[in-house]
PDB file of N, CA and C in Angstrom:
ATOM      1  N   MET A   1     -99.759 131.938-140.160  1.00  0.00           N
ATOM      2  CA  MET A   1     -98.687 131.536-141.058  1.00  0.00           C
ATOM      3  C   MET A   1     -97.656 130.696-140.311  1.00  0.00           C
ATOM      4  N   ALA A   2     -97.285 131.102-139.104  1.00  0.00           N
ATOM      5  CA  ALA A   2     -96.304 130.336-138.338  1.00  0.00           C
ATOM      6  C   ALA A   2     -96.847 128.967-137.978  1.00  0.00           C
ATOM      7  N   SER A   3     -98.142 128.886-137.726  1.00  0.00           N
ATOM      8  CA  SER A   3     -98.750 127.604-137.393  1.00  0.00           C
ATOM      9  C   SER A   3     -98.667 126.648-138.582  1.00  0.00           C
ATOM     10  N   ARG A   4     -98.885 127.145-139.779  1.00  0.00           N
ATOM     11  CA  ARG A   4     -98.802 126.318-140.978  1.00  0.00           C
ATOM     12  C   ARG A   4     -97.375 125.822-141.166  1.00  0.00           C
ATOM     13  N   PHE A   5     -96.400 126.683-140.936  1.00  0.00           N
ATOM     14  CA  PHE A   5     -94.995 126.284-141.036  1.00  0.00           C
ATOM     15  C   PHE A   5     -94.665 125.228-139.998  1.00  0.00           C
ATOM     16  N   ALA A   6     -95.151 125.415-138.789  1.00  0.00           N
ATOM     17  CA  ALA A   6     -94.895 124.440-137.724  1.00  0.00           C
ATOM     18  C   ALA A   6     -95.547 123.098-138.042  1.00  0.00           C
ATOM     19  N   ASP A   7     -96.768 123.135-138.581  1.00  0.00           N
ATOM     20  CA  ASP A   7     -97.439 121.891-138.974  1.00  0.00           C
ATOM     21  C   ASP A   7     -96.658 121.174-140.068  1.00  0.00           C
ATOM     22  N   THR A   8     -96.183 121.936-141.035  1.00  0.00           N
ATOM     23  CA  THR A   8     -95.408 121.348-142.128  1.00  0.00           C
ATOM     24  C   THR A   8     -94.109 120.760-141.611  1.00  0.00           C
ATOM     25  N   LEU A   9     -93.410 121.499-140.790  1.00  0.00           N
ATOM     26  CA  LEU A   9     -92.154 121.018-140.236  1.00  0.00           C
ATOM     27  C   LEU A   9     -92.378 119.764-139.398  1.00  0.00           C
ATOM     28  N   PHE A  10     -93.393 119.770-138.553  1.00  0.00           N
ATOM     29  CA  PHE A  10     -93.728 118.610-137.733  1.00  0.00           C
ATOM     30  C   PHE A  10     -93.996 117.385-138.603  1.00  0.00           C
ATOM     31  N   ALA A  11     -94.814 117.565-139.621  1.00  0.00           N
ATOM     32  CA  ALA A  11     -95.183 116.442-140.476  1.00  0.00           C
ATOM     33  C   ALA A  11     -93.973 115.895-141.236  1.00  0.00           C
ATOM     34  N   LEU A  12     -93.163 116.761-141.778  1.00  0.00           N
ATOM     35  CA  LEU A  12     -92.035 116.308-142.585  1.00  0.00           C
ATOM     36  C   LEU A  12     -90.941 115.642-141.750  1.00  0.00           C
ATOM     37  N   VAL A  13     -90.631 116.220-140.596  1.00  0.00           N
ATOM     38  CA  VAL A  13     -89.610 115.618-139.726  1.00  0.00           C
ATOM     39  C   VAL A  13     -90.072 114.251-139.229  1.00  0.00           C
ATOM     40  N   HIS A  14     -91.286 114.183-138.772  1.00  0.00           N
ATOM     41  CA  HIS A  14     -91.769 112.914-138.251  1.00  0.00           C
ATOM     42  C   HIS A  14     -91.973 111.872-139.344  1.00  0.00           C
ATOM     43  N   LEU A  15     -92.355 112.307-140.535  1.00  0.00           N
ATOM     44  CA  LEU A  15     -92.466 111.358-141.644  1.00  0.00           C
ATOM     45  C   LEU A  15     -91.092 110.800-142.000  1.00  0.00           C
ATOM     46  N   GLY A  16     -90.071 111.656-141.984  1.00  0.00           N
ATOM     47  CA  GLY A  16     -88.708 111.178-142.232  1.00  0.00           C
ATOM     48  C   GLY A  16     -88.253 110.172-141.194  1.00  0.00           C
ATOM     49  N   LEU A  17     -88.541 110.454-139.928  1.00  0.00           N
ATOM     50  CA  LEU A  17     -88.194 109.507-138.866  1.00  0.00           C
ATOM     51  C   LEU A  17     -88.984 108.213-138.994  1.00  0.00           C
ATOM     52  N   LEU A  18     -90.228 108.324-139.389  1.00  0.00           N
ATOM     53  CA  LEU A  18     -91.058 107.139-139.602  1.00  0.00           C
ATOM     54  C   LEU A  18     -90.483 106.269-140.708  1.00  0.00           C
ATOM     55  N   LEU A  19     -90.067 106.885-141.797  1.00  0.00           N
ATOM     56  CA  LEU A  19     -89.485 106.124-142.909  1.00  0.00           C
ATOM     57  C   LEU A  19     -88.159 105.467-142.515  1.00  0.00           C
ATOM     58  N   ALA A  20     -87.352 106.161-141.727  1.00  0.00           N
ATOM     59  CA  ALA A  20     -86.085 105.582-141.264  1.00  0.00           C
ATOM     60  C   ALA A  20     -86.335 104.384-140.351  1.00  0.00           C
ATOM     61  N   ALA A  21     -87.290 104.513-139.453  1.00  0.00           N
ATOM     62  CA  ALA A  21     -87.614 103.390-138.562  1.00  0.00           C
ATOM     63  C   ALA A  21     -88.222 102.236-139.345  1.00  0.00           C
ATOM     64  N   ALA A  22     -89.009 102.537-140.378  1.00  0.00           N
ATOM     65  CA  ALA A  22     -89.575 101.479-141.220  1.00  0.00           C
ATOM     66  C   ALA A  22     -88.468 100.741-141.965  1.00  0.00           C
ATOM     67  N   ALA A  23     -87.466 101.467-142.434  1.00  0.00           N
ATOM     68  CA  ALA A  23     -86.331 100.825-143.093  1.00  0.00           C
ATOM     69  C   ALA A  23     -85.585  99.932-142.112  1.00  0.00           C
ATOM     70  N   TYR A  24     -85.435 100.373-140.883  1.00  0.00           N
ATOM     71  CA  TYR A  24     -84.782  99.568-139.853  1.00  0.00           C
ATOM     72  C   TYR A  24     -85.579  98.294-139.583  1.00  0.00           C
ATOM     73  N   ALA A  25     -86.897  98.418-139.524  1.00  0.00           N
ATOM     74  CA  ALA A  25     -87.748  97.241-139.318  1.00  0.00           C
ATOM     75  C   ALA A  25     -87.600  96.264-140.487  1.00  0.00           C
ATOM     76  N   ALA A  26     -87.517  96.785-141.702  1.00  0.00           N
ATOM     77  CA  ALA A  26     -87.341  95.922-142.875  1.00  0.00           C
ATOM     78  C   ALA A  26     -86.001  95.198-142.824  1.00  0.00           C
ATOM     79  N   VAL A  27     -84.963  95.887-142.389  1.00  0.00           N
ATOM     80  CA  VAL A  27     -83.642  95.257-142.259  1.00  0.00           C
ATOM     81  C   VAL A  27     -83.690  94.151-141.208  1.00  0.00           C
ATOM     82  N   LEU A  28     -84.354  94.407-140.099  1.00  0.00           N
ATOM     83  CA  LEU A  28     -84.480  93.385-139.065  1.00  0.00           C
ATOM     84  C   LEU A  28     -85.211  92.156-139.589  1.00  0.00           C
ATOM     85  N   ILE A  29     -86.278  92.377-140.327  1.00  0.00           N
ATOM     86  CA  ILE A  29     -87.028  91.252-140.890  1.00  0.00           C
ATOM     87  C   ILE A  29     -86.167  90.494-141.892  1.00  0.00           C
ATOM     88  N   ALA A  30     -85.409  91.214-142.707  1.00  0.00           N
ATOM     89  CA  ALA A  30     -84.536  90.571-143.694  1.00  0.00           C
ATOM     90  C   ALA A  30     -83.432  89.761-143.024  1.00  0.00           C
ATOM     91  N   ARG A  31     -82.980  90.200-141.851  1.00  0.00           N
ATOM     92  CA  ARG A  31     -81.935  89.478-141.121  1.00  0.00           C
ATOM     93  C   ARG A  31     -82.476  88.280-140.351  1.00  0.00           C
ATOM     94  N   GLY A  32     -83.791  88.127-140.334  1.00  0.00           N
ATOM     95  CA  GLY A  32     -84.376  86.994-139.648  1.00  0.00           C
ATOM     96  C   GLY A  32     -84.922  87.305-138.272  1.00  0.00           C
ATOM     97  N   GLU A  33     -84.818  88.541-137.848  1.00  0.00           N
ATOM     98  CA  GLU A  33     -85.367  88.944-136.554  1.00  0.00           C
ATOM     99  C   GLU A  33     -86.812  89.394-136.770  1.00  0.00           C
ATOM    100  N   THR A  34     -87.638  88.424-137.140  1.00  0.00           N
ATOM    101  CA  THR A  34     -89.002  88.712-137.571  1.00  0.00           C
ATOM    102  C   THR A  34     -89.856  89.310-136.463  1.00  0.00           C
ATOM    103  N   ALA A  35     -89.772  88.759-135.271  1.00  0.00           N
ATOM    104  CA  ALA A  35     -90.625  89.253-134.184  1.00  0.00           C
ATOM    105  C   ALA A  35     -90.339  90.716-133.871  1.00  0.00           C
ATOM    106  N   ARG A  36     -89.067  91.060-133.744  1.00  0.00           N
ATOM    107  CA  ARG A  36     -88.705  92.444-133.425  1.00  0.00           C
ATOM    108  C   ARG A  36     -89.075  93.384-134.576  1.00  0.00           C
ATOM    109  N   GLY A  37     -88.802  92.962-135.808  1.00  0.00           N
ATOM    110  CA  GLY A  37     -89.141  93.788-136.965  1.00  0.00           C
ATOM    111  C   GLY A  37     -90.635  94.000-137.112  1.00  0.00           C
ATOM    112  N   ALA A  38     -91.406  92.936-136.884  1.00  0.00           N
ATOM    113  CA  ALA A  38     -92.863  93.050-136.985  1.00  0.00           C
ATOM    114  C   ALA A  38     -93.417  93.949-135.880  1.00  0.00           C
ATOM    115  N   LEU A  39     -92.852  93.847-134.689  1.00  0.00           N
ATOM    116  CA  LEU A  39     -93.292  94.703-133.585  1.00  0.00           C
ATOM    117  C   LEU A  39     -93.027  96.174-133.899  1.00  0.00           C
ATOM    118  N   ILE A  40     -91.839  96.463-134.402  1.00  0.00           N
ATOM    119  CA  ILE A  40     -91.513  97.852-134.764  1.00  0.00           C
ATOM    120  C   ILE A  40     -92.444  98.341-135.867  1.00  0.00           C
ATOM    121  N   ALA A  41     -92.696  97.497-136.874  1.00  0.00           N
ATOM    122  CA  ALA A  41     -93.588  97.884-137.972  1.00  0.00           C
ATOM    123  C   ALA A  41     -95.005  98.148-137.459  1.00  0.00           C
ATOM    124  N   ALA A  42     -95.492  97.320-136.545  1.00  0.00           N
ATOM    125  CA  ALA A  42     -96.836  97.514-136.003  1.00  0.00           C
ATOM    126  C   ALA A  42     -96.927  98.799-135.188  1.00  0.00           C
ATOM    127  N   VAL A  43     -95.924  99.067-134.373  1.00  0.00           N
ATOM    128  CA  VAL A  43     -95.917 100.304-133.577  1.00  0.00           C
ATOM    129  C   VAL A  43     -95.849 101.519-134.497  1.00  0.00           C
ATOM    130  N   LEU A  44     -95.069 101.437-135.560  1.00  0.00           N
ATOM    131  CA  LEU A  44     -94.980 102.552-136.503  1.00  0.00           C
ATOM    132  C   LEU A  44     -96.310 102.793-137.208  1.00  0.00           C
ATOM    133  N   ALA A  45     -97.011 101.742-137.556  1.00  0.00           N
ATOM    134  CA  ALA A  45     -98.310 101.889-138.216  1.00  0.00           C
ATOM    135  C   ALA A  45     -99.303 102.590-137.285  1.00  0.00           C
ATOM    136  N   VAL A  46     -99.333 102.186-136.039  1.00  0.00           N
ATOM    137  CA  VAL A  46    -100.230 102.822-135.068  1.00  0.00           C
ATOM    138  C   VAL A  46     -99.834 104.281-134.859  1.00  0.00           C
ATOM    139  N   TYR A  47     -98.545 104.555-134.764  1.00  0.00           N
ATOM    140  CA  TYR A  47     -98.051 105.923-134.592  1.00  0.00           C
ATOM    141  C   TYR A  47     -98.461 106.801-135.781  1.00  0.00           C
ATOM    142  N   TYR A  48     -98.315 106.274-136.983  1.00  0.00           N
ATOM    143  CA  TYR A  48     -98.683 107.046-138.167  1.00  0.00           C
ATOM    144  C   TYR A  48    -100.167 107.395-138.142  1.00  0.00           C
ATOM    145  N   VAL A  49    -100.996 106.410-137.859  1.00  0.00           N
ATOM    146  CA  VAL A  49    -102.437 106.646-137.878  1.00  0.00           C
ATOM    147  C   VAL A  49    -102.848 107.638-136.786  1.00  0.00           C
ATOM    148  N   LEU A  50    -102.306 107.486-135.593  1.00  0.00           N
ATOM    149  CA  LEU A  50    -102.736 108.325-134.478  1.00  0.00           C
ATOM    150  C   LEU A  50    -102.133 109.728-134.491  1.00  0.00           C
ATOM    151  N   VAL A  51    -100.902 109.872-134.974  1.00  0.00           N
ATOM    152  CA  VAL A  51    -100.207 111.151-134.846  1.00  0.00           C
ATOM    153  C   VAL A  51    -100.004 111.861-136.182  1.00  0.00           C
ATOM    154  N   LEU A  52     -99.600 111.153-137.194  1.00  0.00           N
ATOM    155  CA  LEU A  52     -99.134 111.816-138.412  1.00  0.00           C
ATOM    156  C   LEU A  52    -100.145 111.929-139.543  1.00  0.00           C
ATOM    157  N   HIS A  53    -101.136 111.085-139.578  1.00  0.00           N
ATOM    158  CA  HIS A  53    -102.006 111.048-140.750  1.00  0.00           C
ATOM    159  C   HIS A  53    -102.696 112.391-141.013  1.00  0.00           C
ATOM    160  N   LYS A  54    -103.229 113.012-139.984  1.00  0.00           N
ATOM    161  CA  LYS A  54    -103.941 114.282-140.162  1.00  0.00           C
ATOM    162  C   LYS A  54    -103.023 115.400-140.673  1.00  0.00           C
ATOM    163  N   PRO A  55    -101.840 115.626-140.073  1.00  0.00           N
ATOM    164  CA  PRO A  55    -100.970 116.678-140.611  1.00  0.00           C
ATOM    165  C   PRO A  55    -100.463 116.396-142.030  1.00  0.00           C
ATOM    166  N   VAL A  56    -100.208 115.135-142.337  1.00  0.00           N
ATOM    167  CA  VAL A  56     -99.716 114.800-143.678  1.00  0.00           C
ATOM    168  C   VAL A  56    -100.797 115.056-144.717  1.00  0.00           C
ATOM    169  N   THR A  57    -102.022 114.625-144.441  1.00  0.00           N
ATOM    170  CA  THR A  57    -103.097 114.871-145.405  1.00  0.00           C
ATOM    171  C   THR A  57    -103.396 116.360-145.532  1.00  0.00           C
ATOM    172  N   ARG A  58    -103.279 117.100-144.438  1.00  0.00           N
ATOM    173  CA  ARG A  58    -103.485 118.546-144.488  1.00  0.00           C
ATOM    174  C   ARG A  58    -102.419 119.205-145.374  1.00  0.00           C
ATOM    175  N   GLU A  59    -101.189 118.768-145.250  1.00  0.00           N
ATOM    176  CA  GLU A  59    -100.106 119.328-146.063  1.00  0.00           C
ATOM    177  C   GLU A  59    -100.295 118.998-147.538  1.00  0.00           C
ATOM    178  N   ILE A  60    -100.715 117.786-147.833  1.00  0.00           N
ATOM    179  CA  ILE A  60    -100.964 117.397-149.226  1.00  0.00           C
ATOM    180  C   ILE A  60    -102.079 118.258-149.816  1.00  0.00           C
ATOM    181  N   ALA A  61    -103.143 118.454-149.072  1.00  0.00           N
ATOM    182  CA  ALA A  61    -104.252 119.289-149.548  1.00  0.00           C
ATOM    183  C   ALA A  61    -103.799 120.733-149.748  1.00  0.00           C
ATOM    184  N   ARG A  62    -102.972 121.234-148.864  1.00  0.00           N
ATOM    185  CA  ARG A  62    -102.467 122.610-148.986  1.00  0.00           C
ATOM    186  C   ARG A  62    -101.633 122.770-150.250  1.00  0.00           C
ATOM    187  N   LYS A  63    -100.763 121.785-150.501  1.00  0.00           N
ATOM    188  CA  LYS A  63     -99.923 121.876-151.705  1.00  0.00           C
ATOM    189  C   LYS A  63    -100.747 121.777-152.977  1.00  0.00           C
ATOM    190  N   LYS A  64    -101.793 120.946-152.962  1.00  0.00           N
ATOM    191  CA  LYS A  64    -102.672 120.859-154.131  1.00  0.00           C
ATOM    192  C   LYS A  64    -103.416 122.170-154.349  1.00  0.00           C
ATOM    193  N   ALA A  65    -103.838 122.806-153.258  1.00  0.00           N
ATOM    194  CA  ALA A  65    -104.529 124.096-153.374  1.00  0.00           C
ATOM    195  C   ALA A  65    -103.600 125.171-153.931  1.00  0.00           C
ATOM    196  N   LEU A  66    -102.337 125.133-153.545  1.00  0.00           N
ATOM    197  CA  LEU A  66    -101.370 126.110-154.062  1.00  0.00           C
ATOM    198  C   LEU A  66    -101.135 125.901-155.554  1.00  0.00           C
ATOM    199  N   LYS A  67    -101.135 124.659-156.005  1.00  0.00           N
ATOM    200  CA  LYS A  67    -100.936 124.376-157.432  1.00  0.00           C
ATOM    201  C   LYS A  67    -102.102 124.906-158.279  1.00  0.00           C
ATOM    202  N   LYS A  68    -103.304 124.840-157.731  1.00  0.00           N
ATOM    203  CA  LYS A  68    -104.482 125.268-158.470  1.00  0.00           C
ATOM    204  C   LYS A  68    -104.565 126.779-158.606  1.00  0.00           C
ATOM    205  N   LYS A  69    -103.882 127.520-157.734  1.00  0.00           N
ATOM    206  CA  LYS A  69    -103.935 128.978-157.772  1.00  0.00           C
ATOM    207  C   LYS A  69    -103.135 129.535-158.898  1.00  0.00           C
TER     208      LYS A  69
END
């Protein structure tokens, strides 16, 4: 049970940070700092795929399973 809570907390905190950094990258691109914004966006995409995708999909599946019960 504690492991599931830790996985959920990890996924949600990091997803929030990912979204904040993505917003920052969008602001940079809008201001004309395209190279820096694109670099941040690319690093965030790689980070999401390598670190966050598995816990996020696991959490989504868990919540769907709870709804079906």
